[in-house]
C-alpha atoms as a PDB file:
ATOM      1  CA  MET A   1      75.395  70.333 -36.314  1.00  0.00           C
ATOM      2  CA  CYS A   2      72.615  67.968 -37.203  1.00  0.00           C
ATOM      3  CA  SER A   3      69.360  69.946 -37.157  1.00  0.00           C
ATOM      4  CA  THR A   4      67.511  66.998 -35.651  1.00  0.00           C
ATOM      5  CA  ALA A   5      69.859  66.651 -32.666  1.00  0.00           C
ATOM      6  CA  TRP A   6      68.083  67.513 -29.420  1.00  0.00           C
ATOM      7  CA  PHE A   7      70.779  66.551 -26.918  1.00  0.00           C
ATOM      8  CA  PRO A   8      74.192  67.049 -28.597  1.00  0.00           C
ATOM      9  CA  ASP A   9      75.974  68.302 -25.475  1.00  0.00           C
ATOM     10  CA  GLU A  10      74.483  65.659 -23.184  1.00  0.00           C
ATOM     11  CA  ILE A  11      75.252  62.819 -25.603  1.00  0.00           C
ATOM     12  CA  CYS A  12      78.844  64.049 -26.066  1.00  0.00           C
ATOM     13  CA  SER A  13      79.336  64.169 -22.282  1.00  0.00           C
ATOM     14  CA  MET A  14      77.998  60.645 -21.891  1.00  0.00           C
ATOM     15  CA  MET A  15      80.159  59.347 -24.759  1.00  0.00           C
ATOM     16  CA  TYR A  16      83.234  60.870 -23.112  1.00  0.00           C
ATOM     17  CA  VAL A  17      82.415  59.265 -19.763  1.00  0.00           C
ATOM     18  CA  PHE A  18      81.966  55.828 -21.296  1.00  0.00           C
ATOM     19  CA  GLY A  19      85.222  55.843 -23.236  1.00  0.00           C
ATOM     20  CA  ASP A  20      85.267  58.257 -26.167  1.00  0.00           C
ATOM     21  CA  GLY A  21      87.887  60.999 -26.412  1.00  0.00           C
ATOM     22  CA  ARG A  22      87.836  64.290 -24.543  1.00  0.00           C
ATOM     23  CA  ALA A  23      85.979  65.997 -27.391  1.00  0.00           C
ATOM     24  CA  PRO A  24      83.693  63.487 -29.113  1.00  0.00           C
ATOM     25  CA  SER A  25      82.733  64.213 -32.712  1.00  0.00           C
ATOM     26  CA  VAL A  26      79.430  66.061 -33.103  1.00  0.00           C
ATOM     27  CA  GLU A  27      78.700  63.820 -36.079  1.00  0.00           C
ATOM     28  CA  CYS A  28      79.279  60.746 -33.916  1.00  0.00           C
ATOM     29  CA  ALA A  29      77.006  62.197 -31.240  1.00  0.00           C
ATOM     30  CA  ALA A  30      74.258  62.668 -33.831  1.00  0.00           C
ATOM     31  CA  ILE A  31      74.624  59.019 -34.874  1.00  0.00           C
ATOM     32  CA  VAL A  32      74.418  57.841 -31.264  1.00  0.00           C
ATOM     33  CA  GLU A  33      71.437  60.091 -30.466  1.00  0.00           C
ATOM     34  CA  GLY A  34      69.596  58.774 -33.504  1.00  0.00           C
ATOM     35  CA  VAL A  35      70.127  55.174 -32.415  1.00  0.00           C
ATOM     36  CA  VAL A  36      69.058  55.949 -28.844  1.00  0.00           C
ATOM     37  CA  LYS A  37      65.855  57.536 -30.074  1.00  0.00           C
ATOM     38  CA  ARG A  38      65.071  54.627 -32.397  1.00  0.00           C
ATOM     39  CA  GLN A  39      65.667  52.151 -29.589  1.00  0.00           C
ATOM     40  CA  LEU A  40      63.427  54.007 -27.161  1.00  0.00           C
ATOM     41  CA  ALA A  41      60.802  54.659 -29.847  1.00  0.00           C
ATOM     42  CA  THR A  42      60.610  50.929 -30.547  1.00  0.00           C
ATOM     43  CA  LEU A  43      60.224  50.141 -26.837  1.00  0.00           C
ATOM     44  CA  THR A  44      57.681  52.881 -26.148  1.00  0.00           C
ATOM     45  CA  GLY A  45      55.737  52.015 -29.294  1.00  0.00           C
ATOM     46  CA  ALA A  46      55.330  48.407 -28.168  1.00  0.00           C
ATOM     47  CA  ALA A  47      54.544  49.588 -24.636  1.00  0.00           C
ATOM     48  CA  ARG A  48      51.911  51.997 -25.989  1.00  0.00           C
ATOM     49  CA  ASN A  49      50.203  49.166 -27.863  1.00  0.00           C
ATOM     50  CA  LEU A  50      50.098  47.138 -24.668  1.00  0.00           C
ATOM     51  CA  ALA A  51      48.706  50.086 -22.710  1.00  0.00           C
ATOM     52  CA  GLU A  52      45.968  50.584 -25.293  1.00  0.00           C
ATOM     53  CA  GLN A  53      44.988  46.934 -24.989  1.00  0.00           C
ATOM     54  CA  ARG A  54      44.244  47.517 -21.332  1.00  0.00           C
ATOM     55  CA  GLY A  55      42.335  50.709 -22.134  1.00  0.00           C
ATOM     56  CA  SER A  56      44.917  53.310 -21.131  1.00  0.00           C
ATOM     57  CA  ARG A  57      46.108  56.290 -23.171  1.00  0.00           C
ATOM     58  CA  GLU A  58      49.288  56.551 -21.122  1.00  0.00           C
ATOM     59  CA  ILE A  59      52.141  54.077 -20.919  1.00  0.00           C
ATOM     60  CA  GLY A  60      52.614  52.509 -17.511  1.00  0.00           C
ATOM     61  CA  LEU A  61      55.942  51.349 -16.112  1.00  0.00           C
ATOM     62  CA  GLU A  62      54.702  47.742 -16.333  1.00  0.00           C
ATOM     63  CA  ASP A  63      54.078  48.214 -20.074  1.00  0.00           C
ATOM     64  CA  LEU A  64      57.702  49.229 -20.597  1.00  0.00           C
ATOM     65  CA  LEU A  65      59.193  46.551 -18.359  1.00  0.00           C
ATOM     66  CA  PHE A  66      57.160  43.888 -20.134  1.00  0.00           C
ATOM     67  CA  GLN A  67      59.187  44.687 -23.266  1.00  0.00           C
ATOM     68  CA  LEU A  68      62.380  43.899 -21.333  1.00  0.00           C
ATOM     69  CA  ARG A  69      61.185  40.602 -19.897  1.00  0.00           C
ATOM     70  CA  ASN A  70      63.544  38.539 -22.070  1.00  0.00           C
ATOM     71  CA  ASN A  71      66.585  40.680 -21.299  1.00  0.00           C
ATOM     72  CA  ARG A  72      67.418  39.607 -17.772  1.00  0.00           C
ATOM     73  CA  SER A  73      70.830  41.236 -17.644  1.00  0.00           C
ATOM     74  CA  LEU A  74      69.290  44.615 -18.481  1.00  0.00           C
ATOM     75  CA  LEU A  75      66.472  44.147 -15.967  1.00  0.00           C
ATOM     76  CA  ARG A  76      69.016  43.164 -13.323  1.00  0.00           C
ATOM     77  CA  ARG A  77      71.025  46.295 -14.101  1.00  0.00           C
ATOM     78  CA  LEU A  78      67.904  48.472 -13.887  1.00  0.00           C
ATOM     79  CA  ILE A  79      67.021  46.930 -10.526  1.00  0.00           C
ATOM     80  CA  ALA A  80      70.559  47.565  -9.248  1.00  0.00           C
ATOM     81  CA  TYR A  81      70.302  51.177 -10.427  1.00  0.00           C
ATOM     82  CA  ALA A  82      66.953  51.661  -8.661  1.00  0.00           C
ATOM     83  CA  LYS A  83      68.358  50.182  -5.443  1.00  0.00           C
ATOM     84  CA  ALA A  84      71.385  52.460  -5.697  1.00  0.00           C
ATOM     85  CA  ARG A  85      69.187  55.538  -6.111  1.00  0.00           C
ATOM     86  CA  ASP A  86      67.113  54.427  -3.130  1.00  0.00           C
ATOM     87  CA  ARG A  87      70.230  53.997  -1.036  1.00  0.00           C
ATOM     88  CA  VAL A  88      71.678  57.386  -1.968  1.00  0.00           C
ATOM     89  CA  SER A  89      68.308  59.093  -1.462  1.00  0.00           C
ATOM     90  CA  GLY A  90      68.066  57.595   2.010  1.00  0.00           C
ATOM     91  CA  VAL A  91      71.566  58.671   2.977  1.00  0.00           C
ATOM     92  CA  ARG A  92      71.106  62.192   1.658  1.00  0.00           C
ATOM     93  CA  THR A  93      67.674  62.612   3.201  1.00  0.00           C
ATOM     94  CA  THR A  94      68.987  61.456   6.563  1.00  0.00           C
ATOM     95  CA  SER A  95      72.229  63.405   6.525  1.00  0.00           C
ATOM     96  CA  ALA A  96      71.553  66.637   4.688  1.00  0.00           C
ATOM     97  CA  ASN A  97      68.049  66.551   3.278  1.00  0.00           C
ATOM     98  CA  ALA A  98      69.607  67.044  -0.162  1.00  0.00           C
ATOM     99  CA  PRO A  99      68.373  65.647  -3.477  1.00  0.00           C
ATOM    100  CA  CYS A 100      69.723  62.436  -4.922  1.00  0.00           C
ATOM    101  CA  GLU A 101      72.157  63.155  -7.746  1.00  0.00           C
ATOM    102  CA  ASP A 102      73.198  60.958 -10.650  1.00  0.00           C
ATOM    103  CA  ASP A 103      76.902  60.995  -9.798  1.00  0.00           C
ATOM    104  CA  ASP A 104      76.117  59.758  -6.281  1.00  0.00           C
ATOM    105  CA  VAL A 105      74.217  56.845  -7.830  1.00  0.00           C
ATOM    106  CA  MET A 106      77.173  55.956 -10.024  1.00  0.00           C
ATOM    107  CA  GLU A 107      79.414  55.894  -6.946  1.00  0.00           C
ATOM    108  CA  VAL A 108      77.115  53.373  -5.260  1.00  0.00           C
ATOM    109  CA  VAL A 109      76.820  51.224  -8.372  1.00  0.00           C
ATOM    110  CA  GLU A 110      80.594  51.262  -8.873  1.00  0.00           C
ATOM    111  CA  GLN A 111      81.096  50.032  -5.319  1.00  0.00           C
ATOM    112  CA  ASP A 112      78.569  47.230  -5.970  1.00  0.00           C
ATOM    113  CA  VAL A 113      76.803  47.976  -2.669  1.00  0.00           C
ATOM    114  CA  GLU A 114      73.677  45.985  -1.884  1.00  0.00           C
ATOM    115  CA  ALA A 115      70.661  48.027  -0.879  1.00  0.00           C
ATOM    116  CA  ALA A 116      67.363  46.887   0.569  1.00  0.00           C
ATOM    117  CA  ASP A 117      64.232  47.676  -1.402  1.00  0.00           C
ATOM    118  CA  GLY A 118      63.378  51.355  -1.202  1.00  0.00           C
ATOM    119  CA  LYS A 119      60.655  53.277  -3.016  1.00  0.00           C
ATOM    120  CA  ARG A 120      62.084  52.882  -6.519  1.00  0.00           C
ATOM    121  CA  ALA A 121      62.881  49.197  -6.105  1.00  0.00           C
ATOM    122  CA  ARG A 122      59.408  48.546  -4.683  1.00  0.00           C
ATOM    123  CA  VAL A 123      57.827  50.309  -7.660  1.00  0.00           C
ATOM    124  CA  LEU A 124      59.849  48.127 -10.036  1.00  0.00           C
ATOM    125  CA  ARG A 125      58.943  44.999  -8.102  1.00  0.00           C
ATOM    126  CA  GLU A 126      55.238  45.861  -8.236  1.00  0.00           C
ATOM    127  CA  ALA A 127      55.367  46.679 -11.958  1.00  0.00           C
ATOM    128  CA  ILE A 128      57.149  43.420 -12.815  1.00  0.00           C
ATOM    129  CA  GLY A 129      54.728  41.511 -10.610  1.00  0.00           C
ATOM    130  CA  HIS A 130      51.867  42.579 -12.891  1.00  0.00           C
ATOM    131  CA  PHE A 131      53.066  40.255 -15.649  1.00  0.00           C
ATOM    132  CA  ASP A 132      55.555  37.900 -13.966  1.00  0.00           C
ATOM    133  CA  LEU A 133      52.984  35.284 -13.000  1.00  0.00           C
ATOM    134  CA  THR A 134      55.586  32.618 -12.162  1.00  0.00           C
ATOM    135  CA  GLY A 135      57.718  34.949 -10.037  1.00  0.00           C
ATOM    136  CA  GLU A 136      60.775  34.040 -12.085  1.00  0.00           C
ATOM    137  CA  LEU A 137      61.737  37.633 -12.887  1.00  0.00           C
ATOM    138  CA  LEU A 138      61.138  38.746  -9.301  1.00  0.00           C
ATOM    139  CA  THR A 139      64.069  36.536  -8.271  1.00  0.00           C
ATOM    140  CA  LEU A 140      66.308  39.115  -9.985  1.00  0.00           C
ATOM    141  CA  PHE A 141      65.810  41.385  -6.972  1.00  0.00           C
ATOM    142  CA  ASP A 142      67.832  38.907  -4.909  1.00  0.00           C
ATOM    143  CA  ASP A 143      70.156  37.780  -7.705  1.00  0.00           C
ATOM    144  CA  GLU A 144      73.812  38.308  -6.793  1.00  0.00           C
ATOM    145  CA  THR A 145      75.202  37.347 -10.199  1.00  0.00           C
ATOM    146  CA  VAL A 146      78.200  39.503 -11.088  1.00  0.00           C
ATOM    147  CA  ASP A 147      77.556  41.759 -14.071  1.00  0.00           C
ATOM    148  CA  ASP A 148      80.881  41.268 -15.868  1.00  0.00           C
ATOM    149  CA  ILE A 149      80.302  43.928 -18.522  1.00  0.00           C
ATOM    150  CA  LYS A 150      79.276  46.516 -15.931  1.00  0.00           C
ATOM    151  CA  ARG A 151      82.190  45.539 -13.688  1.00  0.00           C
ATOM    152  CA  ARG A 152      84.710  45.844 -16.507  1.00  0.00           C
ATOM    153  CA  ARG A 153      83.148  49.125 -17.631  1.00  0.00           C
ATOM    154  CA  MET A 154      83.696  50.536 -14.141  1.00  0.00           C
ATOM    155  CA  GLU A 155      87.244  49.156 -13.975  1.00  0.00           C
ATOM    156  CA  VAL A 156      88.170  50.801 -17.271  1.00  0.00           C
ATOM    157  CA  MET A 157      86.627  54.043 -16.043  1.00  0.00           C
ATOM    158  CA  ALA A 158      88.656  53.843 -12.826  1.00  0.00           C
ATOM    159  CA  GLU A 159      91.838  53.239 -14.816  1.00  0.00           C
ATOM    160  CA  ARG A 160      91.142  56.306 -16.923  1.00  0.00           C
ATOM    161  CA  VAL A 161      90.440  58.463 -13.874  1.00  0.00           C
ATOM    162  CA  ALA A 162      93.678  57.348 -12.196  1.00  0.00           C
ATOM    163  CA  LYS A 163      95.665  58.852 -15.086  1.00  0.00           C
ATOM    164  CA  MET A 164      93.859  62.211 -15.102  1.00  0.00           C
ATOM    165  CA  ASP A 165      95.248  65.451 -13.764  1.00  0.00           C
ATOM    166  CA  GLU A 166      93.095  67.637 -11.522  1.00  0.00           C
ATOM    167  CA  ARG A 167      91.655  69.682 -14.372  1.00  0.00           C
ATOM    168  CA  GLU A 168      90.735  66.640 -16.461  1.00  0.00           C
ATOM    169  CA  HIS A 169      89.279  64.885 -13.433  1.00  0.00           C
ATOM    170  CA  MET A 170      87.021  67.876 -12.732  1.00  0.00           C
ATOM    171  CA  ARG A 171      85.840  67.849 -16.335  1.00  0.00           C
ATOM    172  CA  PHE A 172      85.199  64.107 -16.162  1.00  0.00           C
ATOM    173  CA  THR A 173      83.290  64.461 -12.884  1.00  0.00           C
ATOM    174  CA  GLU A 174      81.041  67.120 -14.403  1.00  0.00           C
ATOM    175  CA  ALA A 175      80.388  64.914 -17.427  1.00  0.00           C
ATOM    176  CA  ARG A 176      79.378  62.034 -15.156  1.00  0.00           C
ATOM    177  CA  ARG A 177      76.611  64.198 -13.733  1.00  0.00           C
ATOM    178  CA  VAL A 178      74.900  64.486 -17.115  1.00  0.00           C
ATOM    179  CA  SER A 179      71.989  62.478 -18.487  1.00  0.00           C
ATOM    180  CA  LEU A 180      69.173  63.269 -20.880  1.00  0.00           C
ATOM    181  CA  CYS A 181      66.986  64.252 -17.912  1.00  0.00           C
ATOM    182  CA  SER A 182      69.509  65.977 -15.684  1.00  0.00           C
ATOM    183  CA  LYS A 183      72.127  68.673 -15.500  1.00  0.00           C
ATOM    184  CA  ASN A 184      74.764  69.008 -12.804  1.00  0.00           C
ATOM    185  CA  GLY A 185      73.598  65.678 -11.379  1.00  0.00           C
ATOM    186  CA  ALA A 186      70.039  66.763 -10.546  1.00  0.00           C
ATOM    187  CA  ARG A 187      66.796  66.254 -12.412  1.00  0.00           C
ATOM    188  CA  VAL A 188      65.686  69.421 -14.218  1.00  0.00           C
ATOM    189  CA  PRO A 189      61.925  69.720 -14.924  1.00  0.00           C
ATOM    190  CA  ALA A 190      62.530  71.517 -18.227  1.00  0.00           C
ATOM    191  CA  GLN A 191      64.979  68.803 -19.262  1.00  0.00           C
ATOM    192  CA  VAL A 192      62.497  66.078 -18.338  1.00  0.00           C
ATOM    193  CA  ARG A 193      59.768  67.789 -20.388  1.00  0.00           C
ATOM    194  CA  LEU A 194      62.154  68.014 -23.354  1.00  0.00           C
ATOM    195  CA  PHE A 195      62.975  64.314 -22.976  1.00  0.00           C
ATOM    196  CA  VAL A 196      59.275  63.374 -22.907  1.00  0.00           C
ATOM    197  CA  GLN A 197      58.599  65.596 -25.928  1.00  0.00           C
ATOM    198  CA  TRP A 198      61.560  64.048 -27.781  1.00  0.00           C
ATOM    199  CA  LEU A 199      60.099  60.583 -27.234  1.00  0.00           C
ATOM    200  CA  GLY A 200      56.573  61.721 -28.099  1.00  0.00           C
ATOM    201  CA  ILE A 201      54.951  59.976 -25.146  1.00  0.00           C
ATOM    202  CA  VAL A 202      51.755  61.058 -23.390  1.00  0.00           C
ATOM    203  CA  GLY A 203      52.167  61.939 -19.732  1.00  0.00           C
ATOM    204  CA  SER A 204      55.348  61.976 -17.731  1.00  0.00           C
ATOM    205  CA  ASP A 205      55.030  59.432 -14.927  1.00  0.00           C
ATOM    206  CA  SER A 206      58.257  59.938 -12.975  1.00  0.00           C
ATOM    207  CA  ASP A 207      58.986  56.213 -12.590  1.00  0.00           C
ATOM    208  CA  LEU A 208      58.499  55.605 -16.305  1.00  0.00           C
ATOM    209  CA  VAL A 209      60.673  58.574 -17.251  1.00  0.00           C
ATOM    210  CA  GLU A 210      63.409  57.447 -14.864  1.00  0.00           C
ATOM    211  CA  ALA A 211      63.423  53.961 -16.420  1.00  0.00           C
ATOM    212  CA  LEU A 212      63.565  55.433 -19.941  1.00  0.00           C
ATOM    213  CA  ASN A 213      66.372  57.762 -18.925  1.00  0.00           C
ATOM    214  CA  PHE A 214      68.288  54.760 -17.569  1.00  0.00           C
ATOM    215  CA  LEU A 215      67.723  52.881 -20.839  1.00  0.00           C
ATOM    216  CA  ALA A 216      68.954  55.885 -22.834  1.00  0.00           C
ATOM    217  CA  THR A 217      72.146  56.005 -20.766  1.00  0.00           C
ATOM    218  CA  GLU A 218      72.635  52.249 -21.030  1.00  0.00           C
ATOM    219  CA  THR A 219      72.186  52.403 -24.804  1.00  0.00           C
ATOM    220  CA  VAL A 220      74.867  55.097 -25.096  1.00  0.00           C
ATOM    221  CA  ALA A 221      77.205  53.069 -22.866  1.00  0.00           C
ATOM    222  CA  THR A 222      76.693  49.882 -24.876  1.00  0.00           C
ATOM    223  CA  ILE A 223      77.319  51.610 -28.202  1.00  0.00           C
ATOM    224  CA  VAL A 224      80.483  53.293 -26.888  1.00  0.00           C
ATOM    225  CA  ASP A 225      81.680  49.983 -25.398  1.00  0.00           C
ATOM    226  CA  ALA A 226      81.443  48.327 -28.804  1.00  0.00           C
ATOM    227  CA  ALA A 227      82.936  51.310 -30.653  1.00  0.00           C
ATOM    228  CA  CYS A 228      85.913  51.398 -28.256  1.00  0.00           C
ATOM    229  CA  LEU A 229      86.598  47.726 -28.895  1.00  0.00           C
ATOM    230  CA  LEU A 230      86.386  48.318 -32.627  1.00  0.00           C
ATOM    231  CA  ARG A 231      88.938  51.082 -32.169  1.00  0.00           C
ATOM    232  CA  ILE A 232      91.244  48.508 -30.583  1.00  0.00           C
ATOM    233  CA  GLU A 233      90.505  46.005 -33.338  1.00  0.00           C
ATOM    234  CA  THR A 234      91.290  48.634 -35.975  1.00  0.00           C
ATOM    235  CA  PHE A 235      94.456  49.766 -34.203  1.00  0.00           C
ATOM    236  CA  ALA A 236      95.685  46.178 -33.939  1.00  0.00           C
ATOM    237  CA  ALA A 237      94.905  45.644 -37.638  1.00  0.00           C
ATOM    238  CA  SER A 238      93.192  42.427 -36.704  1.00  0.00           C
ATOM    239  CA  ALA A 239      92.310  40.195 -39.612  1.00  0.00           C
ATOM    240  CA  ARG A 240      89.493  38.719 -37.555  1.00  0.00           C
ATOM    241  CA  THR A 241      86.101  40.447 -37.702  1.00  0.00           C
ATOM    242  CA  LEU A 242      84.290  40.045 -34.399  1.00  0.00           C
ATOM    243  CA  SER A 243      80.533  40.010 -34.027  1.00  0.00           C
ATOM    244  CA  VAL A 244      79.164  42.557 -31.569  1.00  0.00           C
ATOM    245  CA  SER A 245      78.426  39.773 -29.071  1.00  0.00           C
ATOM    246  CA  ASP A 246      82.100  38.790 -29.246  1.00  0.00           C
ATOM    247  CA  LEU A 247      83.119  42.420 -28.884  1.00  0.00           C
ATOM    248  CA  LEU A 248      80.994  42.920 -25.780  1.00  0.00           C
ATOM    249  CA  SER A 249      82.046  39.565 -24.339  1.00  0.00           C
ATOM    250  CA  ASN A 250      85.647  40.642 -24.787  1.00  0.00           C
ATOM    251  CA  VAL A 251      85.134  43.810 -22.739  1.00  0.00           C
ATOM    252  CA  VAL A 252      86.656  41.826 -19.874  1.00  0.00           C
ATOM    253  CA  ASN A 253      89.832  41.373 -21.936  1.00  0.00           C
ATOM    254  CA  ALA A 254      89.669  44.563 -23.957  1.00  0.00           C
ATOM    255  CA  GLY A 255      93.432  45.114 -23.997  1.00  0.00           C
ATOM    256  CA  ILE A 256      94.507  41.678 -25.244  1.00  0.00           C
ATOM    257  CA  GLY A 257      97.033  41.938 -28.076  1.00  0.00           C
ATOM    258  CA  ILE A 258      97.762  45.600 -27.377  1.00  0.00           C
ATOM    259  CA  GLN A 259     101.014  46.672 -25.737  1.00  0.00           C
ATOM    260  CA  PRO A 260     100.626  48.956 -22.655  1.00  0.00           C
ATOM    261  CA  ASN A 261     101.953  52.064 -24.397  1.00  0.00           C
ATOM    262  CA  ASP A 262      99.786  51.404 -27.438  1.00  0.00           C
ATOM    263  CA  ALA A 263      96.737  50.896 -25.225  1.00  0.00           C
ATOM    264  CA  ALA A 264      97.227  54.372 -23.760  1.00  0.00           C
ATOM    265  CA  VAL A 265      97.381  55.856 -27.258  1.00  0.00           C
ATOM    266  CA  VAL A 266      94.249  53.987 -28.310  1.00  0.00           C
ATOM    267  CA  ALA A 267      92.302  55.037 -25.210  1.00  0.00           C
ATOM    268  CA  SER A 268      93.119  58.724 -25.702  1.00  0.00           C
ATOM    269  CA  THR A 269      92.116  58.737 -29.367  1.00  0.00           C
ATOM    270  CA  ALA A 270      88.653  60.038 -30.196  1.00  0.00           C
ATOM    271  CA  LEU A 271      86.318  57.554 -31.788  1.00  0.00           C
ATOM    272  CA  ARG A 272      85.437  58.120 -35.419  1.00  0.00           C
ATOM    273  CA  THR A 273      82.167  57.775 -37.291  1.00  0.00           C
ATOM    274  CA  GLU A 274      83.316  54.495 -38.850  1.00  0.00           C
ATOM    275  CA  HIS A 275      83.818  53.021 -35.370  1.00  0.00           C
ATOM    276  CA  TYR A 276      80.253  53.882 -34.406  1.00  0.00           C
ATOM    277  CA  ARG A 277      78.654  52.908 -37.703  1.00  0.00           C
ATOM    278  CA  GLU A 278      80.425  49.541 -37.784  1.00  0.00           C
ATOM    279  CA  ALA A 279      79.695  48.862 -34.104  1.00  0.00           C
ATOM    280  CA  ILE A 280      75.999  49.578 -34.660  1.00  0.00           C
ATOM    281  CA  ARG A 281      75.969  47.465 -37.833  1.00  0.00           C
ATOM    282  CA  ARG A 282      77.203  44.426 -35.893  1.00  0.00           C
ATOM    283  CA  PHE A 283      74.383  44.482 -33.352  1.00  0.00           C
ATOM    284  CA  PRO A 284      71.554  41.996 -33.943  1.00  0.00           C
ATOM    285  CA  ARG A 285      68.994  43.349 -36.382  1.00  0.00           C
ATOM    286  CA  THR A 286      65.208  43.210 -36.500  1.00  0.00           C
ATOM    287  CA  ALA A 287      62.625  44.839 -38.744  1.00  0.00           C
ATOM    288  CA  GLN A 288      62.778  47.910 -36.486  1.00  0.00           C
ATOM    289  CA  GLY A 289      66.573  48.190 -36.792  1.00  0.00           C
ATOM    290  CA  ASN A 290      69.591  47.089 -34.781  1.00  0.00           C
ATOM    291  CA  VAL A 291      68.917  45.987 -31.207  1.00  0.00           C
ATOM    292  CA  ILE A 292      71.367  47.651 -28.834  1.00  0.00           C
ATOM    293  CA  VAL A 293      69.755  46.876 -25.458  1.00  0.00           C
END
């Protein structure tokens, strides 16, 4: 076990959900956790500098979202996630006065259900409005563009679930309820404090933490997506080396060149460290490291 790993169990659960084997390698989890932390540290570092320029010691949600202004697909996905949480919160509050849980959110997102702006979506809209002077990014709240990578990710997940027995499905369902800020689908204050401490940020504004938690999950998903496709590339002994953009673009056709029986073997095989290291290596690189999201 890597002594610097803070979330080995949570990362392993998330890797499993997004396509790794039933028992992901602890070494692979340490690699993924390290990349997630570097990604979030880069974002929060830039956000902290922006906050200081406006005279604040604490990072605001607008400071973080400003760093994502050129990544429209990620902003769109974050907005969809916020709307989904608003929708589930409203349903649960009305029906059973129960807390919103992460697995409920995933159900809504998987069904691609539109939701009117609730509290979380309004907070995002206000934060983006602070720096989106032309209103161009605010149009994302009404953008109905299909997120092909997210759609294919959910389709692959559904295909995996359809082949599970009851015991495996229960295990998968429990894993889906895990994030770096939650256990059993619900936010845990101690877990949130650990997450904030891990990132080394001052304060713990709930909206900011929720956005960072989403970005952590999305980073894990993106890395596993690419590693899974490398597993297919390796299995097929392809002579062609794909860039990570090609790999992610080919998520829609992830099984091309693989026979059905072979595809099942590939999908059930745990990812190895070389899959993760090579996938990460192929992401675009800056002075701060590889850019995953």
